[in-house]
Amino acid sequence: MVVEAVKKRLESVEVSSGFDLTRALEELEGLKSKLDDDKVAREVMAPALLLVQAEKLGSDEKMHEAALSYLGAVLWGEVGGDGYVSAAEKEVSLASGKDSIALLWATALAAYGVKPRVRSDGKGFEVRIVNDGAVRLAQLYVLFGPPMLEEEGFIDHKLVDAVELGSKVSVQIEERSWRRIKGGAAVDLYISVDARGKFSMYQGKFTLYLREYEVRMRLDSANRKEAELGARLLKLAGVETKVKVKMVNDRNVWYIDVATDKLAEGS
């Protein structure tokens, strides 16, 4: 099934003149008999599962957030290893020592709406994604990939570039949600990253409280991942925050609560 899916997606992959497509397909056919080798299995399984996942979702459906979060997590491992991110060149690339694995990665990414190029660099093989496709992958890398933790003395340069490349956020107020509250007013707003093509829009719904002496923004959720995604969106908008947890009616509720000073820093 994986090999057939690869062949079906080839029209969405740009193959450079130095890449032997026939040999790569033959090698890919032979990998199914080598999966008892741990090293081969580790290289094959992540892109193969991504490709199968895309096939199961169907070509006309928008990708489910769970599927995209898995893609973002896998990209974290692959880009964080031998991969490359450049905000200046609007490029994301993955590297492999095998042409069959590079081809598998290229077709897997093509299944998620980007147009990759696969090529040989003389020493190994590279899958290169540029422009809008690179922006989309950078957004996934930032939203669902490595923790955005600021540790003293440590800078993840790939994550820094991914944030710069993929941090196109927008804020939209839901006009009909204005309401009076004790001591002021409140309104719902959405902070979102718009990933075009097959990717859906990632957004967090916050409530903005306007009182006489302060402005607060808050998100409450019974879903920890939703709260963590909201925190990432705020960070991309320039507002530093952390997710906290509290007990409500004997269950955990994760929340973000940001006040005037922090909001001003990100304005």
C-alpha atoms as a PDB file:
ATOM      1  CA  MET A   1       0.000   0.000   0.000  1.00  0.00           C
ATOM      2  CA  VAL A   2       2.833   2.393   0.842  1.00  0.00           C
ATOM      3  CA  VAL A   3       4.646   1.742  -2.443  1.00  0.00           C
ATOM      4  CA  GLU A   4       1.441   2.279  -4.425  1.00  0.00           C
ATOM      5  CA  ALA A   5       0.787   5.510  -2.504  1.00  0.00           C
ATOM      6  CA  VAL A   6       4.316   6.686  -3.338  1.00  0.00           C
ATOM      7  CA  LYS A   7       3.734   6.055  -7.037  1.00  0.00           C
ATOM      8  CA  LYS A   8       0.411   7.897  -6.905  1.00  0.00           C
ATOM      9  CA  ARG A   9       2.006  10.979  -5.322  1.00  0.00           C
ATOM     10  CA  LEU A  10       5.000  11.175  -7.671  1.00  0.00           C
ATOM     11  CA  GLU A  11       3.306  13.767  -9.889  1.00  0.00           C
ATOM     12  CA  SER A  12       3.451  16.189  -6.935  1.00  0.00           C
ATOM     13  CA  VAL A  13       7.199  15.675  -6.421  1.00  0.00           C
ATOM     14  CA  GLU A  14       9.876  17.473  -8.408  1.00  0.00           C
ATOM     15  CA  VAL A  15      12.705  15.034  -9.188  1.00  0.00           C
ATOM     16  CA  SER A  16      16.063  16.636 -10.012  1.00  0.00           C
ATOM     17  CA  SER A  17      18.172  15.391 -12.915  1.00  0.00           C
ATOM     18  CA  GLY A  18      20.763  13.842 -10.599  1.00  0.00           C
ATOM     19  CA  PHE A  19      18.239  11.645  -8.786  1.00  0.00           C
ATOM     20  CA  ASP A  20      17.732   8.082 -10.085  1.00  0.00           C
ATOM     21  CA  LEU A  21      13.975   7.630  -9.623  1.00  0.00           C
ATOM     22  CA  THR A  22      13.887   4.095 -11.052  1.00  0.00           C
ATOM     23  CA  ARG A  23      16.554   2.883  -8.642  1.00  0.00           C
ATOM     24  CA  ALA A  24      14.888   4.610  -5.691  1.00  0.00           C
ATOM     25  CA  LEU A  25      11.556   2.903  -6.446  1.00  0.00           C
ATOM     26  CA  GLU A  26      13.262  -0.492  -6.784  1.00  0.00           C
ATOM     27  CA  GLU A  27      15.043   0.009  -3.468  1.00  0.00           C
ATOM     28  CA  LEU A  28      11.782   1.087  -1.844  1.00  0.00           C
ATOM     29  CA  GLU A  29      10.072  -2.102  -3.065  1.00  0.00           C
ATOM     30  CA  GLY A  30      12.817  -4.113  -1.381  1.00  0.00           C
ATOM     31  CA  LEU A  31      12.577  -2.376   2.002  1.00  0.00           C
ATOM     32  CA  LYS A  32       9.471  -4.335   3.048  1.00  0.00           C
ATOM     33  CA  SER A  33      11.643  -7.446   3.439  1.00  0.00           C
ATOM     34  CA  LYS A  34      14.161  -5.566   5.628  1.00  0.00           C
ATOM     35  CA  LEU A  35      11.881  -4.199   8.355  1.00  0.00           C
ATOM     36  CA  ASP A  36      13.239  -6.670  10.917  1.00  0.00           C
ATOM     37  CA  ASP A  37      16.374  -4.505  10.854  1.00  0.00           C
ATOM     38  CA  ASP A  38      15.762  -1.844  13.547  1.00  0.00           C
ATOM     39  CA  LYS A  39      17.739   0.827  11.698  1.00  0.00           C
ATOM     40  CA  VAL A  40      15.742   0.344   8.487  1.00  0.00           C
ATOM     41  CA  ALA A  41      12.451   0.229  10.405  1.00  0.00           C
ATOM     42  CA  ARG A  42      13.206   3.522  12.199  1.00  0.00           C
ATOM     43  CA  GLU A  43      13.920   5.266   8.901  1.00  0.00           C
ATOM     44  CA  VAL A  44      10.866   3.864   7.125  1.00  0.00           C
ATOM     45  CA  MET A  45       8.072   3.960   9.687  1.00  0.00           C
ATOM     46  CA  ALA A  46       7.622   7.708  10.287  1.00  0.00           C
ATOM     47  CA  PRO A  47       7.198   8.782   6.620  1.00  0.00           C
ATOM     48  CA  ALA A  48       5.301   5.567   5.810  1.00  0.00           C
ATOM     49  CA  LEU A  49       2.786   6.208   8.600  1.00  0.00           C
ATOM     50  CA  LEU A  50       2.375   9.821   7.476  1.00  0.00           C
ATOM     51  CA  LEU A  51       1.630   8.642   3.957  1.00  0.00           C
ATOM     52  CA  VAL A  52      -0.845   5.979   5.113  1.00  0.00           C
ATOM     53  CA  GLN A  53      -2.513   8.523   7.389  1.00  0.00           C
ATOM     54  CA  ALA A  54      -3.001  10.913   4.465  1.00  0.00           C
ATOM     55  CA  GLU A  55      -4.387   8.115   2.299  1.00  0.00           C
ATOM     56  CA  LYS A  56      -6.890   7.141   4.984  1.00  0.00           C
ATOM     57  CA  LEU A  57      -8.078  10.744   5.404  1.00  0.00           C
ATOM     58  CA  GLY A  58      -8.879  11.062   1.719  1.00  0.00           C
ATOM     59  CA  SER A  59      -7.612  13.545  -0.822  1.00  0.00           C
ATOM     60  CA  ASP A  60     -10.534  15.973  -0.559  1.00  0.00           C
ATOM     61  CA  GLU A  61     -10.739  16.300   3.223  1.00  0.00           C
ATOM     62  CA  LYS A  62      -9.045  18.886   5.367  1.00  0.00           C
ATOM     63  CA  MET A  63      -6.393  17.408   7.580  1.00  0.00           C
ATOM     64  CA  HIS A  64      -7.572  16.717  11.115  1.00  0.00           C
ATOM     65  CA  GLU A  65      -5.649  18.518  13.846  1.00  0.00           C
ATOM     66  CA  ALA A  66      -4.499  15.196  15.332  1.00  0.00           C
ATOM     67  CA  ALA A  67      -3.001  14.225  11.971  1.00  0.00           C
ATOM     68  CA  LEU A  68      -1.266  17.570  11.595  1.00  0.00           C
ATOM     69  CA  SER A  69       0.017  17.479  15.184  1.00  0.00           C
ATOM     70  CA  TYR A  70       1.602  14.105  14.391  1.00  0.00           C
ATOM     71  CA  LEU A  71       3.182  15.563  11.255  1.00  0.00           C
ATOM     72  CA  GLY A  72       4.534  18.470  13.313  1.00  0.00           C
ATOM     73  CA  ALA A  73       5.998  16.110  15.907  1.00  0.00           C
ATOM     74  CA  VAL A  74       7.630  13.959  13.220  1.00  0.00           C
ATOM     75  CA  LEU A  75       9.078  17.055  11.554  1.00  0.00           C
ATOM     76  CA  TRP A  76      10.570  18.033  14.906  1.00  0.00           C
ATOM     77  CA  GLY A  77      12.557  14.818  14.975  1.00  0.00           C
ATOM     78  CA  GLU A  78      13.562  14.922  11.324  1.00  0.00           C
ATOM     79  CA  VAL A  79      14.391  18.626  11.004  1.00  0.00           C
ATOM     80  CA  GLY A  80      15.983  18.666  14.446  1.00  0.00           C
ATOM     81  CA  GLY A  81      18.342  15.897  13.320  1.00  0.00           C
ATOM     82  CA  ASP A  82      19.889  16.371   9.897  1.00  0.00           C
ATOM     83  CA  GLY A  83      17.286  18.811   8.614  1.00  0.00           C
ATOM     84  CA  TYR A  84      17.547  22.492   7.851  1.00  0.00           C
ATOM     85  CA  VAL A  85      15.317  25.561   8.252  1.00  0.00           C
ATOM     86  CA  SER A  86      16.020  28.972   6.756  1.00  0.00           C
ATOM     87  CA  ALA A  87      13.688  31.922   7.243  1.00  0.00           C
ATOM     88  CA  ALA A  88      15.808  34.074   4.922  1.00  0.00           C
ATOM     89  CA  GLU A  89      15.566  31.567   2.046  1.00  0.00           C
ATOM     90  CA  LYS A  90      12.025  30.377   2.968  1.00  0.00           C
ATOM     91  CA  GLU A  91      13.258  26.800   2.924  1.00  0.00           C
ATOM     92  CA  VAL A  92      12.841  23.590   4.920  1.00  0.00           C
ATOM     93  CA  SER A  93      14.875  20.533   3.975  1.00  0.00           C
ATOM     94  CA  LEU A  94      15.297  16.953   5.173  1.00  0.00           C
ATOM     95  CA  ALA A  95      18.306  14.710   4.533  1.00  0.00           C
ATOM     96  CA  SER A  96      18.764  10.966   4.107  1.00  0.00           C
ATOM     97  CA  GLY A  97      21.546   8.606   3.153  1.00  0.00           C
ATOM     98  CA  LYS A  98      19.158   6.492   1.064  1.00  0.00           C
ATOM     99  CA  ASP A  99      17.388   7.608  -2.108  1.00  0.00           C
ATOM    100  CA  SER A 100      14.395   5.373  -1.306  1.00  0.00           C
ATOM    101  CA  ILE A 101      13.888   7.019   2.111  1.00  0.00           C
ATOM    102  CA  ALA A 102      14.245  10.498   0.605  1.00  0.00           C
ATOM    103  CA  LEU A 103      11.621   9.594  -1.993  1.00  0.00           C
ATOM    104  CA  LEU A 104       9.321   8.216   0.724  1.00  0.00           C
ATOM    105  CA  TRP A 105       9.627  11.473   2.697  1.00  0.00           C
ATOM    106  CA  ALA A 106       9.012  13.573  -0.415  1.00  0.00           C
ATOM    107  CA  THR A 107       5.806  11.746  -1.342  1.00  0.00           C
ATOM    108  CA  ALA A 108       4.609  11.751   2.273  1.00  0.00           C
ATOM    109  CA  LEU A 109       4.984  15.535   2.447  1.00  0.00           C
ATOM    110  CA  ALA A 110       3.340  15.898  -0.962  1.00  0.00           C
ATOM    111  CA  ALA A 111       0.323  14.097   0.501  1.00  0.00           C
ATOM    112  CA  TYR A 112      -0.006  16.992   2.963  1.00  0.00           C
ATOM    113  CA  GLY A 113      -0.263  19.647   0.287  1.00  0.00           C
ATOM    114  CA  VAL A 114       3.319  20.824  -0.223  1.00  0.00           C
ATOM    115  CA  LYS A 115       5.453  20.421  -3.345  1.00  0.00           C
ATOM    116  CA  PRO A 116       8.864  18.981  -2.431  1.00  0.00           C
ATOM    117  CA  ARG A 117      11.929  18.527  -4.581  1.00  0.00           C
ATOM    118  CA  VAL A 118      14.125  15.457  -4.156  1.00  0.00           C
ATOM    119  CA  ARG A 119      17.739  15.529  -5.254  1.00  0.00           C
ATOM    120  CA  SER A 120      21.192  14.031  -4.763  1.00  0.00           C
ATOM    121  CA  ASP A 121      23.896  16.248  -3.279  1.00  0.00           C
ATOM    122  CA  GLY A 122      26.738  13.879  -4.102  1.00  0.00           C
ATOM    123  CA  LYS A 123      27.027  12.541  -0.561  1.00  0.00           C
ATOM    124  CA  GLY A 124      23.408  11.748   0.195  1.00  0.00           C
ATOM    125  CA  PHE A 125      19.891  12.783  -0.701  1.00  0.00           C
ATOM    126  CA  GLU A 126      17.809  15.817   0.181  1.00  0.00           C
ATOM    127  CA  VAL A 127      14.118  16.688   0.213  1.00  0.00           C
ATOM    128  CA  ARG A 128      13.721  20.448  -0.241  1.00  0.00           C
ATOM    129  CA  ILE A 129      10.537  22.491   0.309  1.00  0.00           C
ATOM    130  CA  VAL A 130      10.466  26.224  -0.438  1.00  0.00           C
ATOM    131  CA  ASN A 131       8.173  29.275  -0.276  1.00  0.00           C
ATOM    132  CA  ASP A 132       4.552  28.618   0.801  1.00  0.00           C
ATOM    133  CA  GLY A 133       5.203  24.930   1.433  1.00  0.00           C
ATOM    134  CA  ALA A 134       8.119  25.787   3.707  1.00  0.00           C
ATOM    135  CA  VAL A 135       5.959  28.314   5.584  1.00  0.00           C
ATOM    136  CA  ARG A 136       3.287  25.662   6.183  1.00  0.00           C
ATOM    137  CA  LEU A 137       5.795  23.117   7.460  1.00  0.00           C
ATOM    138  CA  ALA A 138       7.424  25.745   9.677  1.00  0.00           C
ATOM    139  CA  GLN A 139       4.018  26.496  11.183  1.00  0.00           C
ATOM    140  CA  LEU A 140       3.510  22.823  11.999  1.00  0.00           C
ATOM    141  CA  TYR A 141       7.051  22.575  13.373  1.00  0.00           C
ATOM    142  CA  VAL A 142       6.415  25.524  15.688  1.00  0.00           C
ATOM    143  CA  LEU A 143       2.868  24.661  16.763  1.00  0.00           C
ATOM    144  CA  PHE A 144       3.236  20.925  17.298  1.00  0.00           C
ATOM    145  CA  GLY A 145       6.966  20.373  17.525  1.00  0.00           C
ATOM    146  CA  PRO A 146       9.661  21.257  20.064  1.00  0.00           C
ATOM    147  CA  PRO A 147       8.772  22.866  23.403  1.00  0.00           C
ATOM    148  CA  MET A 148       9.153  26.636  23.274  1.00  0.00           C
ATOM    149  CA  LEU A 149      11.167  26.778  26.478  1.00  0.00           C
ATOM    150  CA  GLU A 150      13.708  29.496  27.101  1.00  0.00           C
ATOM    151  CA  GLU A 151      16.606  27.805  28.879  1.00  0.00           C
ATOM    152  CA  GLU A 152      19.541  29.939  29.896  1.00  0.00           C
ATOM    153  CA  GLY A 153      22.474  29.504  27.551  1.00  0.00           C
ATOM    154  CA  PHE A 154      20.553  27.371  25.040  1.00  0.00           C
ATOM    155  CA  ILE A 155      19.190  28.559  21.712  1.00  0.00           C
ATOM    156  CA  ASP A 156      17.602  26.209  19.182  1.00  0.00           C
ATOM    157  CA  HIS A 157      18.534  28.033  15.974  1.00  0.00           C
ATOM    158  CA  LYS A 158      16.292  25.842  13.822  1.00  0.00           C
ATOM    159  CA  LEU A 159      13.312  26.649  16.021  1.00  0.00           C
ATOM    160  CA  VAL A 160      14.201  30.366  15.923  1.00  0.00           C
ATOM    161  CA  ASP A 161      14.188  30.275  12.110  1.00  0.00           C
ATOM    162  CA  ALA A 162      10.990  28.209  12.049  1.00  0.00           C
ATOM    163  CA  VAL A 163       9.265  30.771  14.287  1.00  0.00           C
ATOM    164  CA  GLU A 164      10.408  33.619  12.018  1.00  0.00           C
ATOM    165  CA  LEU A 165       9.305  31.725   8.908  1.00  0.00           C
ATOM    166  CA  GLY A 166       5.985  30.395  10.200  1.00  0.00           C
ATOM    167  CA  SER A 167       4.785  32.991  12.696  1.00  0.00           C
ATOM    168  CA  LYS A 168       2.201  34.708  10.497  1.00  0.00           C
ATOM    169  CA  VAL A 169      -0.597  35.244  13.037  1.00  0.00           C
ATOM    170  CA  SER A 170      -3.813  37.244  12.959  1.00  0.00           C
ATOM    171  CA  VAL A 171      -6.203  38.448  15.646  1.00  0.00           C
ATOM    172  CA  GLN A 172      -9.936  38.678  14.980  1.00  0.00           C
ATOM    173  CA  ILE A 173     -12.603  39.979  17.373  1.00  0.00           C
ATOM    174  CA  GLU A 174     -16.001  38.293  17.330  1.00  0.00           C
ATOM    175  CA  GLU A 175     -18.040  41.491  17.206  1.00  0.00           C
ATOM    176  CA  ARG A 176     -21.344  39.942  18.303  1.00  0.00           C
ATOM    177  CA  SER A 177     -19.765  38.545  21.460  1.00  0.00           C
ATOM    178  CA  TRP A 178     -19.452  41.910  23.260  1.00  0.00           C
ATOM    179  CA  ARG A 179     -21.108  41.705  26.673  1.00  0.00           C
ATOM    180  CA  ARG A 180     -21.220  43.568  29.961  1.00  0.00           C
ATOM    181  CA  ILE A 181     -19.588  41.988  33.007  1.00  0.00           C
ATOM    182  CA  LYS A 182     -19.160  43.145  36.552  1.00  0.00           C
ATOM    183  CA  GLY A 183     -16.754  46.083  36.477  1.00  0.00           C
ATOM    184  CA  GLY A 184     -16.436  46.293  32.697  1.00  0.00           C
ATOM    185  CA  ALA A 185     -16.966  44.420  29.423  1.00  0.00           C
ATOM    186  CA  ALA A 186     -15.784  41.260  27.707  1.00  0.00           C
ATOM    187  CA  VAL A 187     -15.416  40.046  24.125  1.00  0.00           C
ATOM    188  CA  ASP A 188     -14.270  36.819  22.467  1.00  0.00           C
ATOM    189  CA  LEU A 189     -11.377  36.899  20.049  1.00  0.00           C
ATOM    190  CA  TYR A 190      -9.433  34.429  17.953  1.00  0.00           C
ATOM    191  CA  ILE A 191      -5.682  34.263  17.459  1.00  0.00           C
ATOM    192  CA  SER A 192      -4.892  32.137  14.445  1.00  0.00           C
ATOM    193  CA  VAL A 193      -2.233  30.878  12.083  1.00  0.00           C
ATOM    194  CA  ASP A 194      -3.636  30.509   8.594  1.00  0.00           C
ATOM    195  CA  ALA A 195      -2.127  27.513   6.802  1.00  0.00           C
ATOM    196  CA  ARG A 196      -3.452  27.508   3.274  1.00  0.00           C
ATOM    197  CA  GLY A 197      -4.082  24.526   1.022  1.00  0.00           C
ATOM    198  CA  LYS A 198      -5.036  21.249   2.689  1.00  0.00           C
ATOM    199  CA  PHE A 199      -4.012  22.487   6.128  1.00  0.00           C
ATOM    200  CA  SER A 200      -6.785  23.880   8.284  1.00  0.00           C
ATOM    201  CA  MET A 201      -6.567  27.156  10.197  1.00  0.00           C
ATOM    202  CA  TYR A 202      -5.094  26.797  13.680  1.00  0.00           C
ATOM    203  CA  GLN A 203      -6.808  29.082  16.122  1.00  0.00           C
ATOM    204  CA  GLY A 204      -7.293  29.619  19.811  1.00  0.00           C
ATOM    205  CA  LYS A 205     -10.413  31.233  21.245  1.00  0.00           C
ATOM    206  CA  PHE A 206      -9.716  33.675  24.056  1.00  0.00           C
ATOM    207  CA  THR A 207     -11.883  35.973  26.145  1.00  0.00           C
ATOM    208  CA  LEU A 208     -10.687  39.561  26.514  1.00  0.00           C
ATOM    209  CA  TYR A 209     -11.822  41.337  29.697  1.00  0.00           C
ATOM    210  CA  LEU A 210     -11.820  45.150  29.729  1.00  0.00           C
ATOM    211  CA  ARG A 211     -12.026  46.694  33.161  1.00  0.00           C
ATOM    212  CA  GLU A 212     -11.361  50.178  34.484  1.00  0.00           C
ATOM    213  CA  TYR A 213      -7.777  49.538  35.553  1.00  0.00           C
ATOM    214  CA  GLU A 214      -6.714  46.478  33.573  1.00  0.00           C
ATOM    215  CA  VAL A 215      -7.085  44.358  30.462  1.00  0.00           C
ATOM    216  CA  ARG A 216      -6.948  40.569  30.767  1.00  0.00           C
ATOM    217  CA  MET A 217      -6.984  37.770  28.231  1.00  0.00           C
ATOM    218  CA  ARG A 218      -8.004  34.274  29.281  1.00  0.00           C
ATOM    219  CA  LEU A 219      -8.438  30.816  27.812  1.00  0.00           C
ATOM    220  CA  ASP A 220      -9.944  27.909  29.774  1.00  0.00           C
ATOM    221  CA  SER A 221     -10.064  24.356  28.463  1.00  0.00           C
ATOM    222  CA  ALA A 222     -10.569  20.807  29.680  1.00  0.00           C
ATOM    223  CA  ASN A 223      -8.185  19.821  26.875  1.00  0.00           C
ATOM    224  CA  ARG A 224      -4.537  20.326  27.775  1.00  0.00           C
ATOM    225  CA  LYS A 225      -3.369  20.273  24.137  1.00  0.00           C
ATOM    226  CA  GLU A 226      -5.840  23.018  23.253  1.00  0.00           C
ATOM    227  CA  ALA A 227      -4.480  25.201  26.057  1.00  0.00           C
ATOM    228  CA  GLU A 228      -0.874  24.510  25.040  1.00  0.00           C
ATOM    229  CA  LEU A 229      -1.694  25.397  21.436  1.00  0.00           C
ATOM    230  CA  GLY A 230      -3.259  28.644  22.679  1.00  0.00           C
ATOM    231  CA  ALA A 231      -0.070  29.454  24.587  1.00  0.00           C
ATOM    232  CA  ARG A 232       2.022  28.853  21.472  1.00  0.00           C
ATOM    233  CA  LEU A 233      -0.234  31.124  19.419  1.00  0.00           C
ATOM    234  CA  LEU A 234       0.139  33.861  22.024  1.00  0.00           C
ATOM    235  CA  LYS A 235       3.915  33.458  21.972  1.00  0.00           C
ATOM    236  CA  LEU A 236       3.916  33.755  18.192  1.00  0.00           C
ATOM    237  CA  ALA A 237       1.949  36.994  18.654  1.00  0.00           C
ATOM    238  CA  GLY A 238       4.668  38.239  21.018  1.00  0.00           C
ATOM    239  CA  VAL A 239       2.956  37.575  24.350  1.00  0.00           C
ATOM    240  CA  GLU A 240       4.911  35.412  26.793  1.00  0.00           C
ATOM    241  CA  THR A 241       2.699  33.138  28.858  1.00  0.00           C
ATOM    242  CA  LYS A 242       2.442  29.724  30.506  1.00  0.00           C
ATOM    243  CA  VAL A 243      -0.327  27.154  30.793  1.00  0.00           C
ATOM    244  CA  LYS A 244      -1.547  26.514  34.343  1.00  0.00           C
ATOM    245  CA  VAL A 245      -3.919  23.921  35.734  1.00  0.00           C
ATOM    246  CA  LYS A 246      -6.631  24.019  38.400  1.00  0.00           C
ATOM    247  CA  MET A 247      -9.270  21.653  39.755  1.00  0.00           C
ATOM    248  CA  VAL A 248     -12.905  22.432  38.864  1.00  0.00           C
ATOM    249  CA  ASN A 249     -15.621  19.986  39.942  1.00  0.00           C
ATOM    250  CA  ASP A 250     -13.020  17.262  40.515  1.00  0.00           C
ATOM    251  CA  ARG A 251     -11.455  17.553  37.083  1.00  0.00           C
ATOM    252  CA  ASN A 252      -8.437  19.346  35.651  1.00  0.00           C
ATOM    253  CA  VAL A 253      -8.949  22.563  33.721  1.00  0.00           C
ATOM    254  CA  TRP A 254      -5.987  24.104  31.915  1.00  0.00           C
ATOM    255  CA  TYR A 255      -5.964  27.847  31.549  1.00  0.00           C
ATOM    256  CA  ILE A 256      -4.001  30.872  30.348  1.00  0.00           C
ATOM    257  CA  ASP A 257      -4.412  34.198  32.099  1.00  0.00           C
ATOM    258  CA  VAL A 258      -2.482  37.196  30.762  1.00  0.00           C
ATOM    259  CA  ALA A 259      -2.769  40.716  32.155  1.00  0.00           C
ATOM    260  CA  THR A 260      -2.144  44.240  30.886  1.00  0.00           C
ATOM    261  CA  ASP A 261       1.656  44.425  31.034  1.00  0.00           C
ATOM    262  CA  LYS A 262       2.266  41.183  29.167  1.00  0.00           C
ATOM    263  CA  LEU A 263      -0.302  42.090  26.525  1.00  0.00           C
ATOM    264  CA  ALA A 264       1.363  45.463  26.043  1.00  0.00           C
ATOM    265  CA  GLU A 265       4.723  43.751  25.414  1.00  0.00           C
ATOM    266  CA  GLY A 266       3.192  41.779  22.567  1.00  0.00           C
ATOM    267  CA  SER A 267       1.167  44.595  21.063  1.00  0.00           C
END
